[in-house]
Amino acid sequence: MSEPLPSRAKELQATSRSNLKVAVGLLTVHTTLSTHMFKLGLTEWQDCRLFGDEKEESEHTVSHCPALACKGTEPWDVCS
């Protein structure tokens, strides 16, 4: 494992708690995305709530969902 980067630590410390929660949730798959909630037995479907054709999981949400495709500069930017 490489050494922590001081610049990355400062960037994370400057990030809001809610944005860090989203980032950590996506990385660990502990989110309220449909696929995770389905595995916990809390919902009856796994499909993307915005697009519908694929499972709503981290990779789909961050990289593939056409409904969320935008050119934000930060991972937590919201498309308008």
C-alpha atoms as a PDB file:
ATOM      1  CA  MET A   1       0.000   0.000   0.000  1.00  0.00           C
ATOM      2  CA  SER A   2       1.337   3.421  -0.898  1.00  0.00           C
ATOM      3  CA  GLU A   3       1.807   6.226   1.580  1.00  0.00           C
ATOM      4  CA  PRO A   4      -1.075   8.665   2.111  1.00  0.00           C
ATOM      5  CA  LEU A   5      -0.841  11.871   0.110  1.00  0.00           C
ATOM      6  CA  PRO A   6      -0.960  15.047   2.254  1.00  0.00           C
ATOM      7  CA  SER A   7      -2.728  16.898  -0.579  1.00  0.00           C
ATOM      8  CA  ARG A   8      -5.434  14.203  -0.748  1.00  0.00           C
ATOM      9  CA  ALA A   9      -5.897  14.355   3.034  1.00  0.00           C
ATOM     10  CA  LYS A  10      -6.412  18.140   2.867  1.00  0.00           C
ATOM     11  CA  GLU A  11      -8.880  17.717   0.004  1.00  0.00           C
ATOM     12  CA  LEU A  12     -10.899  15.164   1.965  1.00  0.00           C
ATOM     13  CA  GLN A  13     -10.862  17.318   5.099  1.00  0.00           C
ATOM     14  CA  ALA A  14     -12.262  20.222   3.075  1.00  0.00           C
ATOM     15  CA  THR A  15     -15.070  18.084   1.623  1.00  0.00           C
ATOM     16  CA  SER A  16     -18.484  18.256   3.259  1.00  0.00           C
ATOM     17  CA  ARG A  17     -19.612  15.365   5.415  1.00  0.00           C
ATOM     18  CA  SER A  18     -22.584  14.605   3.155  1.00  0.00           C
ATOM     19  CA  ASN A  19     -20.356  14.374   0.052  1.00  0.00           C
ATOM     20  CA  LEU A  20     -17.923  12.094   1.893  1.00  0.00           C
ATOM     21  CA  LYS A  21     -20.857   9.890   2.921  1.00  0.00           C
ATOM     22  CA  VAL A  22     -21.903   9.520  -0.719  1.00  0.00           C
ATOM     23  CA  ALA A  23     -18.350   8.728  -1.862  1.00  0.00           C
ATOM     24  CA  VAL A  24     -17.715   6.152   0.875  1.00  0.00           C
ATOM     25  CA  GLY A  25     -21.132   4.585   0.297  1.00  0.00           C
ATOM     26  CA  LEU A  26     -20.442   4.154  -3.410  1.00  0.00           C
ATOM     27  CA  LEU A  27     -17.020   2.650  -2.750  1.00  0.00           C
ATOM     28  CA  THR A  28     -18.234   0.227  -0.088  1.00  0.00           C
ATOM     29  CA  VAL A  29     -21.628  -0.469  -1.728  1.00  0.00           C
ATOM     30  CA  HIS A  30     -23.382   0.462   1.532  1.00  0.00           C
ATOM     31  CA  THR A  31     -25.894   2.830  -0.003  1.00  0.00           C
ATOM     32  CA  THR A  32     -29.604   3.204  -0.547  1.00  0.00           C
ATOM     33  CA  LEU A  33     -29.208   2.109  -4.169  1.00  0.00           C
ATOM     34  CA  SER A  34     -31.873  -0.389  -5.196  1.00  0.00           C
ATOM     35  CA  THR A  35     -29.519  -3.368  -5.566  1.00  0.00           C
ATOM     36  CA  HIS A  36     -28.241  -3.030  -1.980  1.00  0.00           C
ATOM     37  CA  MET A  37     -31.721  -2.445  -0.570  1.00  0.00           C
ATOM     38  CA  PHE A  38     -32.970  -5.520  -2.490  1.00  0.00           C
ATOM     39  CA  LYS A  39     -30.228  -7.682  -0.925  1.00  0.00           C
ATOM     40  CA  LEU A  40     -31.329  -6.447   2.501  1.00  0.00           C
ATOM     41  CA  GLY A  41     -34.944  -7.342   1.690  1.00  0.00           C
ATOM     42  CA  LEU A  42     -36.088  -3.719   1.910  1.00  0.00           C
ATOM     43  CA  THR A  43     -37.331  -3.372  -1.666  1.00  0.00           C
ATOM     44  CA  GLU A  44     -38.786  -5.638  -4.327  1.00  0.00           C
ATOM     45  CA  TRP A  45     -36.767  -4.371  -7.298  1.00  0.00           C
ATOM     46  CA  GLN A  46     -33.122  -3.845  -8.279  1.00  0.00           C
ATOM     47  CA  ASP A  47     -33.575  -1.760 -11.422  1.00  0.00           C
ATOM     48  CA  CYS A  48     -32.353   1.810 -11.718  1.00  0.00           C
ATOM     49  CA  ARG A  49     -35.081   4.155 -10.502  1.00  0.00           C
ATOM     50  CA  LEU A  50     -34.081   6.778 -13.076  1.00  0.00           C
ATOM     51  CA  PHE A  51     -33.317   4.689 -16.167  1.00  0.00           C
ATOM     52  CA  GLY A  52     -34.943   1.322 -15.451  1.00  0.00           C
ATOM     53  CA  ASP A  53     -32.970  -0.971 -17.764  1.00  0.00           C
ATOM     54  CA  GLU A  54     -30.020  -1.898 -15.552  1.00  0.00           C
ATOM     55  CA  LYS A  55     -29.455  -2.802 -11.919  1.00  0.00           C
ATOM     56  CA  GLU A  56     -29.069   0.287  -9.752  1.00  0.00           C
ATOM     57  CA  GLU A  57     -25.605  -0.309  -8.323  1.00  0.00           C
ATOM     58  CA  SER A  58     -22.556   1.895  -7.763  1.00  0.00           C
ATOM     59  CA  GLU A  59     -20.841   1.350 -11.110  1.00  0.00           C
ATOM     60  CA  HIS A  60     -24.056   1.944 -13.060  1.00  0.00           C
ATOM     61  CA  THR A  61     -24.895   5.065 -11.090  1.00  0.00           C
ATOM     62  CA  VAL A  62     -21.442   6.628 -11.375  1.00  0.00           C
ATOM     63  CA  SER A  63     -20.416   5.511 -14.866  1.00  0.00           C
ATOM     64  CA  HIS A  64     -23.262   4.222 -17.023  1.00  0.00           C
ATOM     65  CA  CYS A  65     -26.651   5.708 -16.113  1.00  0.00           C
ATOM     66  CA  PRO A  66     -27.858   7.827 -19.048  1.00  0.00           C
ATOM     67  CA  ALA A  67     -30.183   9.730 -16.723  1.00  0.00           C
ATOM     68  CA  LEU A  68     -27.179  11.016 -14.740  1.00  0.00           C
ATOM     69  CA  ALA A  69     -24.799  11.665 -17.630  1.00  0.00           C
ATOM     70  CA  CYS A  70     -23.388  15.166 -17.207  1.00  0.00           C
ATOM     71  CA  LYS A  71     -20.090  16.990 -17.261  1.00  0.00           C
ATOM     72  CA  GLY A  72     -19.697  17.865 -13.587  1.00  0.00           C
ATOM     73  CA  THR A  73     -16.185  18.505 -12.338  1.00  0.00           C
ATOM     74  CA  GLU A  74     -16.730  16.741  -9.032  1.00  0.00           C
ATOM     75  CA  PRO A  75     -18.277  13.283  -8.429  1.00  0.00           C
ATOM     76  CA  TRP A  76     -21.075  14.815  -6.356  1.00  0.00           C
ATOM     77  CA  ASP A  77     -22.139  17.493  -8.886  1.00  0.00           C
ATOM     78  CA  VAL A  78     -25.795  17.133  -9.779  1.00  0.00           C
ATOM     79  CA  CYS A  79     -27.021  17.436 -13.365  1.00  0.00           C
ATOM     80  CA  SER A  80     -29.636  20.092 -13.897  1.00  0.00           C
END
